[in-house]
Every structure is written in C-alpha cells, then in structure tokens.
Amino acid sequence: MTAEELIERMRHAGPPTTDDVPVTFDGRRLDSPEVVKAWLADLAARRAAAGADGDE
C-alpha cells in the first residue's frame, strides 16, 4: 500500500478516541509520554543485555 492509498482510505475516518493507543505484545498500553519513555528504556536495556550476551 502506498502512502497515497493509505491517506485516501483514512480520509473519512473519524478522530481517534481516548482509548486509541498502542498496545505492546505483552498488553502494556502506551498511553502517556511517561509510559512510552519507560517502555523505551526497558527495550534499550533488554537490547543491551542481549548484545552483552552475544545474542545479537
């Protein structure tokens, strides 16, 4: 799908509701800047640990 096709499909979509938030595979709702920052810090720590173990 091209960007133009996506824009056309979303042209008549309504605005997001208060519950339209990203949800991670483990069920965490990324519904505030603080929660997103904590999730990114956790992700960075996991990646660093995986890299230190040689699991890259």
N, C-alpha and C. Protein backbone atom coordinates (compact mmCIF):
# COMPACT_ATOMS: atom_id res chain seq x y z
N MET A 1 0.85 -1.17 0.00
CA MET A 1 0.00 0.00 0.00
C MET A 1 0.90 1.24 0.00
N THR A 2 0.59 2.14 -0.84
CA THR A 2 1.36 3.37 -0.91
C THR A 2 0.83 4.37 0.13
N ALA A 3 1.60 5.40 0.38
CA ALA A 3 1.16 6.44 1.31
C ALA A 3 -0.10 7.11 0.80
N GLU A 4 -0.17 7.31 -0.51
CA GLU A 4 -1.36 7.94 -1.08
C GLU A 4 -2.60 7.08 -0.88
N GLU A 5 -2.46 5.76 -1.03
CA GLU A 5 -3.59 4.86 -0.80
C GLU A 5 -4.04 4.89 0.66
N LEU A 6 -3.09 4.91 1.57
CA LEU A 6 -3.42 4.98 2.99
C LEU A 6 -4.14 6.29 3.30
N ILE A 7 -3.64 7.39 2.78
CA ILE A 7 -4.28 8.69 3.01
C ILE A 7 -5.71 8.68 2.49
N GLU A 8 -5.91 8.11 1.30
CA GLU A 8 -7.26 8.05 0.73
C GLU A 8 -8.18 7.20 1.59
N ARG A 9 -7.69 6.07 2.08
CA ARG A 9 -8.53 5.19 2.91
C ARG A 9 -8.89 5.85 4.24
N MET A 10 -7.99 6.66 4.77
CA MET A 10 -8.21 7.29 6.07
C MET A 10 -8.89 8.65 5.99
N ARG A 11 -9.14 9.12 4.79
CA ARG A 11 -9.68 10.46 4.58
C ARG A 11 -10.98 10.69 5.34
N HIS A 12 -11.85 9.70 5.39
CA HIS A 12 -13.14 9.87 6.04
C HIS A 12 -13.18 9.27 7.45
N ALA A 13 -12.06 8.83 7.95
CA ALA A 13 -12.02 8.26 9.29
C ALA A 13 -12.26 9.36 10.33
N GLY A 14 -12.89 8.98 11.39
CA GLY A 14 -13.12 9.93 12.47
C GLY A 14 -11.84 10.15 13.28
N PRO A 15 -11.89 11.11 14.17
CA PRO A 15 -10.71 11.36 15.00
C PRO A 15 -10.49 10.20 15.98
N PRO A 16 -9.27 10.04 16.48
CA PRO A 16 -9.02 8.96 17.43
C PRO A 16 -9.82 9.18 18.72
N THR A 17 -10.17 8.10 19.36
CA THR A 17 -10.84 8.18 20.65
C THR A 17 -9.80 8.09 21.75
N THR A 18 -10.22 8.30 22.98
CA THR A 18 -9.27 8.29 24.10
C THR A 18 -8.65 6.93 24.32
N ASP A 19 -9.28 5.86 23.83
CA ASP A 19 -8.70 4.54 24.01
C ASP A 19 -7.89 4.07 22.81
N ASP A 20 -7.69 4.92 21.82
CA ASP A 20 -6.85 4.58 20.66
C ASP A 20 -5.39 4.82 21.02
N VAL A 21 -4.77 3.80 21.59
CA VAL A 21 -3.36 3.89 21.98
C VAL A 21 -2.66 2.62 21.54
N PRO A 22 -1.34 2.70 21.31
CA PRO A 22 -0.62 1.48 21.01
C PRO A 22 -0.62 0.54 22.22
N VAL A 23 -0.69 -0.75 21.93
CA VAL A 23 -0.63 -1.77 22.96
C VAL A 23 0.47 -2.74 22.57
N THR A 24 1.40 -3.01 23.48
CA THR A 24 2.51 -3.91 23.19
C THR A 24 2.03 -5.36 23.19
N PHE A 25 2.89 -6.26 22.72
CA PHE A 25 2.53 -7.68 22.68
C PHE A 25 2.22 -8.23 24.07
N ASP A 26 2.86 -7.66 25.10
CA ASP A 26 2.59 -8.15 26.46
C ASP A 26 1.42 -7.43 27.13
N GLY A 27 0.70 -6.60 26.37
CA GLY A 27 -0.51 -5.97 26.88
C GLY A 27 -0.34 -4.60 27.50
N ARG A 28 0.88 -4.07 27.49
CA ARG A 28 1.07 -2.73 28.05
C ARG A 28 0.46 -1.68 27.14
N ARG A 29 -0.30 -0.77 27.74
CA ARG A 29 -0.91 0.34 26.99
C ARG A 29 0.04 1.52 27.04
N LEU A 30 0.49 1.98 25.89
CA LEU A 30 1.40 3.11 25.80
C LEU A 30 0.57 4.38 25.66
N ASP A 31 -0.01 4.80 26.79
CA ASP A 31 -1.00 5.87 26.76
C ASP A 31 -0.54 7.20 27.33
N SER A 32 0.74 7.34 27.61
CA SER A 32 1.25 8.63 28.07
C SER A 32 2.73 8.71 27.71
N PRO A 33 3.26 9.92 27.64
CA PRO A 33 4.69 10.07 27.33
C PRO A 33 5.58 9.35 28.35
N GLU A 34 5.18 9.37 29.61
CA GLU A 34 5.98 8.72 30.65
C GLU A 34 6.03 7.21 30.45
N VAL A 35 4.88 6.63 30.11
CA VAL A 35 4.81 5.18 29.89
C VAL A 35 5.64 4.80 28.66
N VAL A 36 5.58 5.60 27.61
CA VAL A 36 6.37 5.32 26.41
C VAL A 36 7.86 5.40 26.73
N LYS A 37 8.27 6.42 27.48
CA LYS A 37 9.69 6.57 27.85
C LYS A 37 10.16 5.38 28.68
N ALA A 38 9.33 4.93 29.61
CA ALA A 38 9.70 3.77 30.43
C ALA A 38 9.81 2.51 29.56
N TRP A 39 8.89 2.35 28.62
CA TRP A 39 8.93 1.19 27.72
C TRP A 39 10.19 1.23 26.86
N LEU A 40 10.53 2.41 26.33
CA LEU A 40 11.73 2.53 25.52
C LEU A 40 12.99 2.26 26.33
N ALA A 41 13.03 2.72 27.59
CA ALA A 41 14.18 2.44 28.45
C ALA A 41 14.30 0.94 28.71
N ASP A 42 13.17 0.28 28.95
CA ASP A 42 13.17 -1.17 29.15
C ASP A 42 13.65 -1.89 27.89
N LEU A 43 13.17 -1.44 26.74
CA LEU A 43 13.58 -2.04 25.48
C LEU A 43 15.09 -1.87 25.25
N ALA A 44 15.61 -0.67 25.52
CA ALA A 44 17.04 -0.41 25.36
C ALA A 44 17.86 -1.30 26.30
N ALA A 45 17.39 -1.46 27.53
CA ALA A 45 18.10 -2.31 28.49
C ALA A 45 18.10 -3.77 28.03
N ARG A 46 16.97 -4.24 27.51
CA ARG A 46 16.92 -5.62 27.01
C ARG A 46 17.86 -5.83 25.82
N ARG A 47 17.89 -4.84 24.93
CA ARG A 47 18.78 -4.94 23.78
C ARG A 47 20.24 -4.93 24.20
N ALA A 48 20.56 -4.07 25.17
CA ALA A 48 21.94 -4.02 25.66
C ALA A 48 22.33 -5.33 26.32
N ALA A 49 21.42 -5.91 27.08
CA ALA A 49 21.69 -7.20 27.75
C ALA A 49 21.86 -8.30 26.71
N ALA A 50 21.04 -8.29 25.68
CA ALA A 50 21.14 -9.30 24.62
C ALA A 50 22.47 -9.15 23.88
N GLY A 51 22.87 -7.91 23.65
CA GLY A 51 24.15 -7.67 22.97
C GLY A 51 25.33 -8.08 23.82
N ALA A 52 25.23 -7.88 25.13
CA ALA A 52 26.32 -8.27 26.04
C ALA A 52 26.45 -9.78 26.10
N ASP A 53 25.33 -10.48 25.92
CA ASP A 53 25.35 -11.95 25.95
C ASP A 53 25.77 -12.55 24.61
N GLY A 54 25.92 -11.70 23.60
CA GLY A 54 26.28 -12.19 22.27
C GLY A 54 25.10 -12.71 21.49
N ASP A 55 23.89 -12.34 21.88
CA ASP A 55 22.67 -12.81 21.23
C ASP A 55 22.16 -11.85 20.17
N GLU A 56 23.00 -11.02 19.63
CA GLU A 56 22.52 -10.02 18.66
C GLU A 56 22.01 -10.63 17.41
